[in-house]
Amino acid sequence: MKKNVICYTVFMKKIILILLLFPTVAWAQPALEFTTEKHDFGNVIQGTQLEYTFEFINAGSDELIIKEVNTS
């Protein structure tokens, strides 16, 4: 019985240690934050070339890597 209690105690200490370390790993992420998320050009004559720049920052604590951009 005493051996089971010791094993259980060691197991619980490992679980607690893992749970304490997990938030630091989980929170170290990039976070893309836009100043504005959409833009309306209003009425536009067909064939007019338009341009708008969306500004953003990495509000996270890890490096942000942009691999692909798609427009709609």
PDB file of N, CA and C in Angstrom:
ATOM      1  N   MET A   1       0.828  -1.205   0.000  1.00  0.00           N
ATOM      2  CA  MET A   1       0.000   0.000   0.000  1.00  0.00           C
ATOM      3  C   MET A   1       0.862   1.255   0.000  1.00  0.00           C
ATOM      4  N   LYS A   2       1.924   1.258   0.809  1.00  0.00           N
ATOM      5  CA  LYS A   2       2.782   2.429   0.913  1.00  0.00           C
ATOM      6  C   LYS A   2       3.483   2.707  -0.418  1.00  0.00           C
ATOM      7  N   LYS A   3       3.850   1.640  -1.135  1.00  0.00           N
ATOM      8  CA  LYS A   3       4.512   1.796  -2.425  1.00  0.00           C
ATOM      9  C   LYS A   3       3.562   2.455  -3.433  1.00  0.00           C
ATOM     10  N   ASN A   4       2.290   2.084  -3.408  1.00  0.00           N
ATOM     11  CA  ASN A   4       1.297   2.693  -4.306  1.00  0.00           C
ATOM     12  C   ASN A   4       1.123   4.178  -4.020  1.00  0.00           C
ATOM     13  N   VAL A   5       1.144   4.563  -2.761  1.00  0.00           N
ATOM     14  CA  VAL A   5       1.010   5.969  -2.388  1.00  0.00           C
ATOM     15  C   VAL A   5       2.208   6.759  -2.880  1.00  0.00           C
ATOM     16  N   ILE A   6       3.405   6.196  -2.766  1.00  0.00           N
ATOM     17  CA  ILE A   6       4.622   6.881  -3.226  1.00  0.00           C
ATOM     18  C   ILE A   6       4.584   7.038  -4.751  1.00  0.00           C
ATOM     19  N   CYS A   7       4.212   5.985  -5.465  1.00  0.00           N
ATOM     20  CA  CYS A   7       4.124   6.060  -6.930  1.00  0.00           C
ATOM     21  C   CYS A   7       3.084   7.094  -7.358  1.00  0.00           C
ATOM     22  N   TYR A   8       1.957   7.108  -6.685  1.00  0.00           N
ATOM     23  CA  TYR A   8       0.904   8.066  -6.991  1.00  0.00           C
ATOM     24  C   TYR A   8       1.386   9.489  -6.744  1.00  0.00           C
ATOM     25  N   THR A   9       2.117   9.717  -5.662  1.00  0.00           N
ATOM     26  CA  THR A   9       2.634  11.042  -5.332  1.00  0.00           C
ATOM     27  C   THR A   9       3.627  11.512  -6.389  1.00  0.00           C
ATOM     28  N   VAL A  10       4.511  10.639  -6.814  1.00  0.00           N
ATOM     29  CA  VAL A  10       5.491  10.992  -7.848  1.00  0.00           C
ATOM     30  C   VAL A  10       4.764  11.300  -9.158  1.00  0.00           C
ATOM     31  N   PHE A  11       3.787  10.491  -9.489  1.00  0.00           N
ATOM     32  CA  PHE A  11       2.999  10.707 -10.703  1.00  0.00           C
ATOM     33  C   PHE A  11       2.294  12.064 -10.669  1.00  0.00           C
ATOM     34  N   MET A  12       1.673  12.385  -9.553  1.00  0.00           N
ATOM     35  CA  MET A  12       0.956  13.656  -9.429  1.00  0.00           C
ATOM     36  C   MET A  12       1.918  14.843  -9.507  1.00  0.00           C
ATOM     37  N   LYS A  13       3.107  14.709  -8.957  1.00  0.00           N
ATOM     38  CA  LYS A  13       4.091  15.793  -9.048  1.00  0.00           C
ATOM     39  C   LYS A  13       4.492  16.036 -10.498  1.00  0.00           C
ATOM     40  N   LYS A  14       4.639  14.958 -11.261  1.00  0.00           N
ATOM     41  CA  LYS A  14       4.985  15.104 -12.688  1.00  0.00           C
ATOM     42  C   LYS A  14       3.848  15.781 -13.450  1.00  0.00           C
ATOM     43  N   ILE A  15       2.626  15.385 -13.155  1.00  0.00           N
ATOM     44  CA  ILE A  15       1.467  15.992 -13.818  1.00  0.00           C
ATOM     45  C   ILE A  15       1.386  17.483 -13.489  1.00  0.00           C
ATOM     46  N   ILE A  16       1.590  17.829 -12.244  1.00  0.00           N
ATOM     47  CA  ILE A  16       1.541  19.239 -11.836  1.00  0.00           C
ATOM     48  C   ILE A  16       2.634  20.034 -12.521  1.00  0.00           C
ATOM     49  N   LEU A  17       3.828  19.471 -12.621  1.00  0.00           N
ATOM     50  CA  LEU A  17       4.930  20.145 -13.296  1.00  0.00           C
ATOM     51  C   LEU A  17       4.613  20.380 -14.767  1.00  0.00           C
ATOM     52  N   ILE A  18       4.049  19.378 -15.417  1.00  0.00           N
ATOM     53  CA  ILE A  18       3.678  19.525 -16.834  1.00  0.00           C
ATOM     54  C   ILE A  18       2.613  20.604 -16.997  1.00  0.00           C
ATOM     55  N   LEU A  19       1.631  20.615 -16.124  1.00  0.00           N
ATOM     56  CA  LEU A  19       0.564  21.620 -16.217  1.00  0.00           C
ATOM     57  C   LEU A  19       1.086  23.021 -15.943  1.00  0.00           C
ATOM     58  N   LEU A  20       2.088  23.143 -15.099  1.00  0.00           N
ATOM     59  CA  LEU A  20       2.665  24.460 -14.823  1.00  0.00           C
ATOM     60  C   LEU A  20       3.501  24.957 -15.992  1.00  0.00           C
ATOM     61  N   LEU A  21       4.148  24.053 -16.704  1.00  0.00           N
ATOM     62  CA  LEU A  21       4.986  24.447 -17.831  1.00  0.00           C
ATOM     63  C   LEU A  21       4.183  24.648 -19.110  1.00  0.00           C
ATOM     64  N   PHE A  22       3.021  24.011 -19.228  1.00  0.00           N
ATOM     65  CA  PHE A  22       2.224  24.089 -20.444  1.00  0.00           C
ATOM     66  C   PHE A  22       1.820  25.509 -20.831  1.00  0.00           C
ATOM     67  N   PRO A  23       1.350  26.351 -19.908  1.00  0.00           N
ATOM     68  CA  PRO A  23       0.938  27.700 -20.328  1.00  0.00           C
ATOM     69  C   PRO A  23       2.054  28.511 -20.971  1.00  0.00           C
ATOM     70  N   THR A  24       3.292  28.353 -20.548  1.00  0.00           N
ATOM     71  CA  THR A  24       4.376  29.121 -21.160  1.00  0.00           C
ATOM     72  C   THR A  24       4.593  28.681 -22.592  1.00  0.00           C
ATOM     73  N   VAL A  25       4.415  27.410 -22.885  1.00  0.00           N
ATOM     74  CA  VAL A  25       4.547  26.923 -24.248  1.00  0.00           C
ATOM     75  C   VAL A  25       3.331  27.344 -25.065  1.00  0.00           C
ATOM     76  N   ALA A  26       2.163  27.242 -24.500  1.00  0.00           N
ATOM     77  CA  ALA A  26       0.932  27.574 -25.220  1.00  0.00           C
ATOM     78  C   ALA A  26       0.823  29.063 -25.517  1.00  0.00           C
ATOM     79  N   TRP A  27       1.347  29.907 -24.691  1.00  0.00           N
ATOM     80  CA  TRP A  27       1.209  31.350 -24.892  1.00  0.00           C
ATOM     81  C   TRP A  27       2.281  31.932 -25.786  1.00  0.00           C
ATOM     82  N   ALA A  28       3.342  31.212 -26.058  1.00  0.00           N
ATOM     83  CA  ALA A  28       4.404  31.712 -26.934  1.00  0.00           C
ATOM     84  C   ALA A  28       3.981  31.496 -28.386  1.00  0.00           C
ATOM     85  N   GLN A  29       3.089  32.353 -28.882  1.00  0.00           N
ATOM     86  CA  GLN A  29       2.561  32.227 -30.229  1.00  0.00           C
ATOM     87  C   GLN A  29       2.521  33.587 -30.902  1.00  0.00           C
ATOM     88  N   PRO A  30       2.619  33.603 -32.231  1.00  0.00           N
ATOM     89  CA  PRO A  30       2.404  34.865 -32.933  1.00  0.00           C
ATOM     90  C   PRO A  30       0.917  35.213 -32.921  1.00  0.00           C
ATOM     91  N   ALA A  31       0.609  36.481 -33.026  1.00  0.00           N
ATOM     92  CA  ALA A  31      -0.789  36.924 -33.061  1.00  0.00           C
ATOM     93  C   ALA A  31      -0.899  38.090 -34.036  1.00  0.00           C
ATOM     94  N   LEU A  32      -1.522  37.833 -35.165  1.00  0.00           N
ATOM     95  CA  LEU A  32      -1.686  38.855 -36.193  1.00  0.00           C
ATOM     96  C   LEU A  32      -2.827  39.783 -35.792  1.00  0.00           C
ATOM     97  N   GLU A  33      -2.529  41.079 -35.706  1.00  0.00           N
ATOM     98  CA  GLU A  33      -3.535  42.068 -35.286  1.00  0.00           C
ATOM     99  C   GLU A  33      -3.585  43.193 -36.314  1.00  0.00           C
ATOM    100  N   PHE A  34      -4.756  43.359 -36.944  1.00  0.00           N
ATOM    101  CA  PHE A  34      -4.952  44.393 -37.967  1.00  0.00           C
ATOM    102  C   PHE A  34      -5.479  45.677 -37.334  1.00  0.00           C
ATOM    103  N   THR A  35      -5.060  46.829 -37.899  1.00  0.00           N
ATOM    104  CA  THR A  35      -5.611  48.100 -37.442  1.00  0.00           C
ATOM    105  C   THR A  35      -7.044  48.243 -37.950  1.00  0.00           C
ATOM    106  N   THR A  36      -7.312  47.810 -39.195  1.00  0.00           N
ATOM    107  CA  THR A  36      -8.668  47.710 -39.740  1.00  0.00           C
ATOM    108  C   THR A  36      -8.767  46.372 -40.462  1.00  0.00           C
ATOM    109  N   GLU A  37      -9.926  45.729 -40.376  1.00  0.00           N
ATOM    110  CA  GLU A  37     -10.073  44.395 -40.957  1.00  0.00           C
ATOM    111  C   GLU A  37     -10.807  44.392 -42.297  1.00  0.00           C
ATOM    112  N   LYS A  38     -11.412  45.506 -42.665  1.00  0.00           N
ATOM    113  CA  LYS A  38     -12.077  45.574 -43.962  1.00  0.00           C
ATOM    114  C   LYS A  38     -12.026  47.001 -44.488  1.00  0.00           C
ATOM    115  N   HIS A  39     -12.236  47.129 -45.808  1.00  0.00           N
ATOM    116  CA  HIS A  39     -12.228  48.451 -46.448  1.00  0.00           C
ATOM    117  C   HIS A  39     -13.277  48.447 -47.557  1.00  0.00           C
ATOM    118  N   ASP A  40     -14.076  49.488 -47.630  1.00  0.00           N
ATOM    119  CA  ASP A  40     -15.114  49.616 -48.653  1.00  0.00           C
ATOM    120  C   ASP A  40     -14.712  50.734 -49.603  1.00  0.00           C
ATOM    121  N   PHE A  41     -14.507  50.396 -50.884  1.00  0.00           N
ATOM    122  CA  PHE A  41     -14.146  51.405 -51.876  1.00  0.00           C
ATOM    123  C   PHE A  41     -15.352  52.193 -52.356  1.00  0.00           C
ATOM    124  N   GLY A  42     -16.544  51.770 -51.968  1.00  0.00           N
ATOM    125  CA  GLY A  42     -17.748  52.469 -52.420  1.00  0.00           C
ATOM    126  C   GLY A  42     -18.057  52.123 -53.868  1.00  0.00           C
ATOM    127  N   ASN A  43     -18.723  53.032 -54.581  1.00  0.00           N
ATOM    128  CA  ASN A  43     -19.039  52.822 -56.001  1.00  0.00           C
ATOM    129  C   ASN A  43     -17.797  53.100 -56.828  1.00  0.00           C
ATOM    130  N   VAL A  44     -17.469  52.156 -57.701  1.00  0.00           N
ATOM    131  CA  VAL A  44     -16.258  52.268 -58.520  1.00  0.00           C
ATOM    132  C   VAL A  44     -16.623  51.991 -59.969  1.00  0.00           C
ATOM    133  N   ILE A  45     -16.085  52.789 -60.866  1.00  0.00           N
ATOM    134  CA  ILE A  45     -16.297  52.572 -62.297  1.00  0.00           C
ATOM    135  C   ILE A  45     -15.496  51.342 -62.714  1.00  0.00           C
ATOM    136  N   GLN A  46     -16.154  50.474 -63.513  1.00  0.00           N
ATOM    137  CA  GLN A  46     -15.512  49.246 -63.945  1.00  0.00           C
ATOM    138  C   GLN A  46     -14.212  49.554 -64.672  1.00  0.00           C
ATOM    139  N   GLY A  47     -13.178  48.773 -64.367  1.00  0.00           N
ATOM    140  CA  GLY A  47     -11.873  48.942 -65.000  1.00  0.00           C
ATOM    141  C   GLY A  47     -10.924  49.836 -64.212  1.00  0.00           C
ATOM    142  N   THR A  48     -11.441  50.517 -63.194  1.00  0.00           N
ATOM    143  CA  THR A  48     -10.596  51.378 -62.364  1.00  0.00           C
ATOM    144  C   THR A  48      -9.698  50.501 -61.485  1.00  0.00           C
ATOM    145  N   GLN A  49      -8.425  50.828 -61.480  1.00  0.00           N
ATOM    146  CA  GLN A  49      -7.486  50.066 -60.657  1.00  0.00           C
ATOM    147  C   GLN A  49      -7.439  50.687 -59.258  1.00  0.00           C
ATOM    148  N   LEU A  50      -7.662  49.872 -58.254  1.00  0.00           N
ATOM    149  CA  LEU A  50      -7.714  50.352 -56.876  1.00  0.00           C
ATOM    150  C   LEU A  50      -6.635  49.682 -56.034  1.00  0.00           C
ATOM    151  N   GLU A  51      -6.265  50.375 -54.975  1.00  0.00           N
ATOM    152  CA  GLU A  51      -5.247  49.824 -54.080  1.00  0.00           C
ATOM    153  C   GLU A  51      -5.542  50.284 -52.657  1.00  0.00           C
ATOM    154  N   TYR A  52      -5.353  49.380 -51.716  1.00  0.00           N
ATOM    155  CA  TYR A  52      -5.503  49.700 -50.304  1.00  0.00           C
ATOM    156  C   TYR A  52      -4.508  48.866 -49.521  1.00  0.00           C
ATOM    157  N   THR A  53      -3.891  49.448 -48.532  1.00  0.00           N
ATOM    158  CA  THR A  53      -2.906  48.739 -47.718  1.00  0.00           C
ATOM    159  C   THR A  53      -3.491  48.451 -46.341  1.00  0.00           C
ATOM    160  N   PHE A  54      -3.512  47.171 -45.994  1.00  0.00           N
ATOM    161  CA  PHE A  54      -3.922  46.773 -44.650  1.00  0.00           C
ATOM    162  C   PHE A  54      -2.683  46.728 -43.772  1.00  0.00           C
ATOM    163  N   GLU A  55      -2.735  47.447 -42.662  1.00  0.00           N
ATOM    164  CA  GLU A  55      -1.608  47.464 -41.743  1.00  0.00           C
ATOM    165  C   GLU A  55      -1.874  46.492 -40.600  1.00  0.00           C
ATOM    166  N   PHE A  56      -0.817  45.806 -40.196  1.00  0.00           N
ATOM    167  CA  PHE A  56      -0.957  44.856 -39.097  1.00  0.00           C
ATOM    168  C   PHE A  56       0.343  44.784 -38.312  1.00  0.00           C
ATOM    169  N   ILE A  57       0.248  44.237 -37.115  1.00  0.00           N
ATOM    170  CA  ILE A  57       1.418  44.024 -36.270  1.00  0.00           C
ATOM    171  C   ILE A  57       1.374  42.599 -35.721  1.00  0.00           C
ATOM    172  N   ASN A  58       2.507  42.132 -35.278  1.00  0.00           N
ATOM    173  CA  ASN A  58       2.566  40.861 -34.570  1.00  0.00           C
ATOM    174  C   ASN A  58       2.424  41.190 -33.089  1.00  0.00           C
ATOM    175  N   ALA A  59       1.250  40.971 -32.548  1.00  0.00           N
ATOM    176  CA  ALA A  59       0.988  41.273 -31.144  1.00  0.00           C
ATOM    177  C   ALA A  59       1.330  40.091 -30.239  1.00  0.00           C
ATOM    178  N   GLY A  60       1.885  39.038 -30.812  1.00  0.00           N
ATOM    179  CA  GLY A  60       2.240  37.858 -30.023  1.00  0.00           C
ATOM    180  C   GLY A  60       3.667  37.916 -29.531  1.00  0.00           C
ATOM    181  N   SER A  61       4.068  36.836 -28.911  1.00  0.00           N
ATOM    182  CA  SER A  61       5.402  36.788 -28.317  1.00  0.00           C
ATOM    183  C   SER A  61       6.359  35.894 -29.098  1.00  0.00           C
ATOM    184  N   ASP A  62       5.915  35.363 -30.248  1.00  0.00           N
ATOM    185  CA  ASP A  62       6.770  34.509 -31.058  1.00  0.00           C
ATOM    186  C   ASP A  62       6.844  35.082 -32.469  1.00  0.00           C
ATOM    187  N   GLU A  63       7.785  34.613 -33.255  1.00  0.00           N
ATOM    188  CA  GLU A  63       7.993  35.104 -34.607  1.00  0.00           C
ATOM    189  C   GLU A  63       6.780  34.786 -35.491  1.00  0.00           C
ATOM    190  N   LEU A  64       6.358  35.770 -36.289  1.00  0.00           N
ATOM    191  CA  LEU A  64       5.239  35.609 -37.205  1.00  0.00           C
ATOM    192  C   LEU A  64       5.791  35.400 -38.612  1.00  0.00           C
ATOM    193  N   ILE A  65       5.420  34.286 -39.235  1.00  0.00           N
ATOM    194  CA  ILE A  65       5.866  33.971 -40.585  1.00  0.00           C
ATOM    195  C   ILE A  65       4.635  33.894 -41.476  1.00  0.00           C
ATOM    196  N   ILE A  66       4.589  34.727 -42.512  1.00  0.00           N
ATOM    197  CA  ILE A  66       3.475  34.731 -43.462  1.00  0.00           C
ATOM    198  C   ILE A  66       3.944  33.951 -44.681  1.00  0.00           C
ATOM    199  N   LYS A  67       3.296  32.812 -44.935  1.00  0.00           N
ATOM    200  CA  LYS A  67       3.714  31.949 -46.032  1.00  0.00           C
ATOM    201  C   LYS A  67       2.895  32.176 -47.308  1.00  0.00           C
ATOM    202  N   GLU A  68       1.648  32.616 -47.159  1.00  0.00           N
ATOM    203  CA  GLU A  68       0.775  32.766 -48.310  1.00  0.00           C
ATOM    204  C   GLU A  68      -0.290  33.819 -48.041  1.00  0.00           C
ATOM    205  N   VAL A  69      -0.633  34.583 -49.072  1.00  0.00           N
ATOM    206  CA  VAL A  69      -1.694  35.590 -48.949  1.00  0.00           C
ATOM    207  C   VAL A  69      -2.667  35.366 -50.093  1.00  0.00           C
ATOM    208  N   ASN A  70      -3.967  35.330 -49.756  1.00  0.00           N
ATOM    209  CA  ASN A  70      -5.023  35.197 -50.768  1.00  0.00           C
ATOM    210  C   ASN A  70      -5.953  36.387 -50.671  1.00  0.00           C
ATOM    211  N   THR A  71      -6.420  36.855 -51.808  1.00  0.00           N
ATOM    212  CA  THR A  71      -7.358  37.981 -51.829  1.00  0.00           C
ATOM    213  C   THR A  71      -8.709  37.494 -52.334  1.00  0.00           C
ATOM    214  N   SER A  72      -9.705  38.290 -52.086  1.00  0.00           N
ATOM    215  CA  SER A  72     -11.042  37.929 -52.573  1.00  0.00           C
ATOM    216  C   SER A  72     -11.693  39.120 -53.218  1.00  0.00           C
TER     217      SER A  72
END
